[in-house]
């Protein structure tokens, strides 16, 4: 086909093909740019969502850490209170001792009369 055309026609034909190619190339580059822009936007939204989740989990972890610290302090108080109660129980008579003493008193009272 190009062999039959004159030089001017060949140049016009090649120029038209070049314009068509350039238009298609521009359209293609525009489509690729939109595609990547959408993907970047999607990744950015996902990152921000994960960041919010992470911040929420960090706040919860901080509050739980504080609660555990308070529980540890409370357990120290409970232990010291239990030691004091235990020391007090060692000096008091238990029920068996009271029963034995009651029998001895009854025995002594019956002998006295």
C-alpha atoms as a PDB file:
ATOM      1  CA  UNK A   1       0.000   0.000   0.000  1.00  0.00           C
ATOM      2  CA  UNK A   2       2.774   2.436   0.886  1.00  0.00           C
ATOM      3  CA  UNK A   3       4.566   1.551  -2.343  1.00  0.00           C
ATOM      4  CA  UNK A   4       1.737   2.952  -4.471  1.00  0.00           C
ATOM      5  CA  UNK A   5       1.315   6.236  -2.580  1.00  0.00           C
ATOM      6  CA  UNK A   6       3.144   9.406  -3.318  1.00  0.00           C
ATOM      7  CA  UNK A   7       5.596  10.862  -0.832  1.00  0.00           C
ATOM      8  CA  UNK A   8       3.109  13.491   0.498  1.00  0.00           C
ATOM      9  CA  UNK A   9       0.396  10.877   0.948  1.00  0.00           C
ATOM     10  CA  UNK A  10       2.877   8.629   2.757  1.00  0.00           C
ATOM     11  CA  UNK A  11       3.831  11.425   5.123  1.00  0.00           C
ATOM     12  CA  UNK A  12       0.173  12.293   5.782  1.00  0.00           C
ATOM     13  CA  UNK A  13      -0.686   8.634   6.332  1.00  0.00           C
ATOM     14  CA  UNK A  14       2.223   8.102   8.741  1.00  0.00           C
ATOM     15  CA  UNK A  15       1.353  11.352  10.511  1.00  0.00           C
ATOM     16  CA  UNK A  16      -2.256  10.165  10.973  1.00  0.00           C
ATOM     17  CA  UNK A  17      -1.028   6.821  12.324  1.00  0.00           C
ATOM     18  CA  UNK A  18       1.335   8.675  14.668  1.00  0.00           C
ATOM     19  CA  UNK A  19      -1.528  10.865  15.945  1.00  0.00           C
ATOM     20  CA  UNK A  20      -3.722   7.812  16.504  1.00  0.00           C
ATOM     21  CA  UNK A  21      -0.915   6.024  18.329  1.00  0.00           C
ATOM     22  CA  UNK A  22      -0.240   9.111  20.447  1.00  0.00           C
ATOM     23  CA  UNK A  23      -3.942   9.419  21.366  1.00  0.00           C
ATOM     24  CA  UNK A  24      -4.111   5.734  22.314  1.00  0.00           C
ATOM     25  CA  UNK A  25      -0.892   6.003  24.297  1.00  0.00           C
ATOM     26  CA  UNK A  26      -2.221   9.039  26.200  1.00  0.00           C
ATOM     27  CA  UNK A  27      -5.485   7.246  26.936  1.00  0.00           C
ATOM     28  CA  UNK A  28      -3.590   4.145  28.082  1.00  0.00           C
ATOM     29  CA  UNK A  29      -1.300   6.155  30.368  1.00  0.00           C
ATOM     30  CA  UNK A  30      -4.373   7.938  31.805  1.00  0.00           C
ATOM     31  CA  UNK A  31      -6.088   4.613  32.535  1.00  0.00           C
ATOM     32  CA  UNK A  32      -2.947   3.203  34.169  1.00  0.00           C
ATOM     33  CA  UNK A  33      -2.572   6.398  36.247  1.00  0.00           C
ATOM     34  CA  UNK A  34      -6.194   6.168  37.471  1.00  0.00           C
ATOM     35  CA  UNK A  35      -5.711   2.491  38.309  1.00  0.00           C
ATOM     36  CA  UNK A  36      -2.627   3.155  40.414  1.00  0.00           C
ATOM     37  CA  UNK A  37      -4.221   6.219  42.046  1.00  0.00           C
ATOM     38  CA  UNK A  38      -7.172   4.035  43.122  1.00  0.00           C
ATOM     39  CA  UNK A  39      -4.855   1.337  44.460  1.00  0.00           C
ATOM     40  CA  UNK A  40      -2.788   3.875  46.392  1.00  0.00           C
ATOM     41  CA  UNK A  41      -5.963   5.398  47.831  1.00  0.00           C
ATOM     42  CA  UNK A  42      -7.169   1.934  48.874  1.00  0.00           C
ATOM     43  CA  UNK A  43      -3.876   1.087  50.586  1.00  0.00           C
ATOM     44  CA  UNK A  44      -3.915   4.478  52.345  1.00  0.00           C
ATOM     45  CA  UNK A  45      -7.464   3.902  53.641  1.00  0.00           C
ATOM     46  CA  UNK A  46      -6.530   0.434  54.872  1.00  0.00           C
ATOM     47  CA  UNK A  47      -3.438   1.808  56.614  1.00  0.00           C
ATOM     48  CA  UNK A  48      -5.483   4.514  58.348  1.00  0.00           C
ATOM     49  CA  UNK A  49      -8.061   1.930  59.441  1.00  0.00           C
ATOM     50  CA  UNK A  50      -5.350  -0.320  60.846  1.00  0.00           C
ATOM     51  CA  UNK A  51      -3.758   2.659  62.565  1.00  0.00           C
ATOM     52  CA  UNK A  52      -7.061   3.512  64.274  1.00  0.00           C
ATOM     53  CA  UNK A  53      -7.463  -0.125  65.366  1.00  0.00           C
ATOM     54  CA  UNK A  54      -3.903  -0.164  66.684  1.00  0.00           C
ATOM     55  CA  UNK A  55      -4.437   3.068  68.626  1.00  0.00           C
ATOM     56  CA  UNK A  56      -7.630   1.640  70.150  1.00  0.00           C
ATOM     57  CA  UNK A  57      -5.868  -1.562  71.172  1.00  0.00           C
ATOM     58  CA  UNK A  58      -3.012   0.454  72.677  1.00  0.00           C
ATOM     59  CA  UNK A  59      -5.465   2.466  74.809  1.00  0.00           C
ATOM     60  CA  UNK A  60      -7.133  -0.750  76.000  1.00  0.00           C
ATOM     61  CA  UNK A  61      -3.749  -2.322  76.769  1.00  0.00           C
ATOM     62  CA  UNK A  62      -2.703   0.762  78.743  1.00  0.00           C
ATOM     63  CA  UNK A  63      -5.912   0.681  80.806  1.00  0.00           C
ATOM     64  CA  UNK A  64      -5.502  -3.061  81.450  1.00  0.00           C
ATOM     65  CA  UNK A  65      -1.894  -2.517  82.507  1.00  0.00           C
ATOM     66  CA  UNK A  66      -3.066   0.132  84.962  1.00  0.00           C
ATOM     67  CA  UNK A  67      -5.768  -2.203  86.324  1.00  0.00           C
ATOM     68  CA  UNK A  68      -3.226  -5.003  86.785  1.00  0.00           C
ATOM     69  CA  UNK A  69      -0.960  -2.614  88.680  1.00  0.00           C
ATOM     70  CA  UNK A  70      -3.842  -1.649  90.974  1.00  0.00           C
ATOM     71  CA  UNK A  71      -4.674  -5.334  91.538  1.00  0.00           C
ATOM     72  CA  UNK A  72      -1.050  -6.046  92.439  1.00  0.00           C
ATOM     73  CA  UNK A  73      -1.108  -3.253  95.030  1.00  0.00           C
ATOM     74  CA  UNK A  74      -4.425  -4.556  96.386  1.00  0.00           C
ATOM     75  CA  UNK A  75      -2.959  -8.066  96.680  1.00  0.00           C
ATOM     76  CA  UNK A  76      -0.082  -6.712  98.764  1.00  0.00           C
ATOM     77  CA  UNK A  77      -2.639  -5.176 101.128  1.00  0.00           C
ATOM     78  CA  UNK A  78      -4.650  -8.430 101.246  1.00  0.00           C
ATOM     79  CA  UNK A  79      -1.515 -10.423 102.049  1.00  0.00           C
ATOM     80  CA  UNK A  80      -0.530  -8.133 104.873  1.00  0.00           C
ATOM     81  CA  UNK A  81      -4.092  -8.228 106.255  1.00  0.00           C
ATOM     82  CA  UNK A  82      -4.108 -12.037 106.077  1.00  0.00           C
ATOM     83  CA  UNK A  83      -0.788 -12.206 107.921  1.00  0.00           C
ATOM     84  CA  UNK A  84      -2.226 -10.010 110.670  1.00  0.00           C
ATOM     85  CA  UNK A  85      -5.391 -12.127 110.895  1.00  0.00           C
ATOM     86  CA  UNK A  86      -3.337 -15.332 110.946  1.00  0.00           C
ATOM     87  CA  UNK A  87      -1.134 -13.999 113.724  1.00  0.00           C
ATOM     88  CA  UNK A  88      -4.254 -13.093 115.673  1.00  0.00           C
ATOM     89  CA  UNK A  89      -5.730 -16.558 115.192  1.00  0.00           C
ATOM     90  CA  UNK A  90      -2.613 -18.198 116.557  1.00  0.00           C
ATOM     91  CA  UNK A  91      -3.174 -16.533 119.948  1.00  0.00           C
ATOM     92  CA  UNK A  92      -6.900 -17.277 120.188  1.00  0.00           C
ATOM     93  CA  UNK A  93      -8.302 -20.594 121.310  1.00  0.00           C
ATOM     94  CA  UNK A  94     -10.031 -22.685 118.712  1.00  0.00           C
ATOM     95  CA  UNK A  95     -13.275 -24.623 119.268  1.00  0.00           C
ATOM     96  CA  UNK A  96     -11.530 -27.838 120.343  1.00  0.00           C
ATOM     97  CA  UNK A  97      -9.670 -25.996 123.093  1.00  0.00           C
ATOM     98  CA  UNK A  98     -12.934 -24.502 124.347  1.00  0.00           C
ATOM     99  CA  UNK A  99     -14.584 -27.950 124.494  1.00  0.00           C
ATOM    100  CA  UNK A 100     -11.638 -29.400 126.454  1.00  0.00           C
ATOM    101  CA  UNK A 101     -11.645 -26.470 128.883  1.00  0.00           C
ATOM    102  CA  UNK A 102     -15.425 -26.745 129.315  1.00  0.00           C
ATOM    103  CA  UNK A 103     -15.084 -30.438 130.285  1.00  0.00           C
ATOM    104  CA  UNK A 104     -12.318 -29.659 132.764  1.00  0.00           C
ATOM    105  CA  UNK A 105     -14.406 -26.930 134.376  1.00  0.00           C
ATOM    106  CA  UNK A 106     -17.391 -29.247 134.614  1.00  0.00           C
ATOM    107  CA  UNK A 107     -15.223 -31.934 136.177  1.00  0.00           C
ATOM    108  CA  UNK A 108     -13.755 -29.518 138.722  1.00  0.00           C
ATOM    109  CA  UNK A 109     -17.150 -28.127 139.596  1.00  0.00           C
ATOM    110  CA  UNK A 110     -18.587 -31.597 140.223  1.00  0.00           C
ATOM    111  CA  UNK A 111     -15.630 -32.477 142.469  1.00  0.00           C
ATOM    112  CA  UNK A 112     -15.993 -29.253 144.400  1.00  0.00           C
ATOM    113  CA  UNK A 113     -19.543 -29.874 145.394  1.00  0.00           C
END
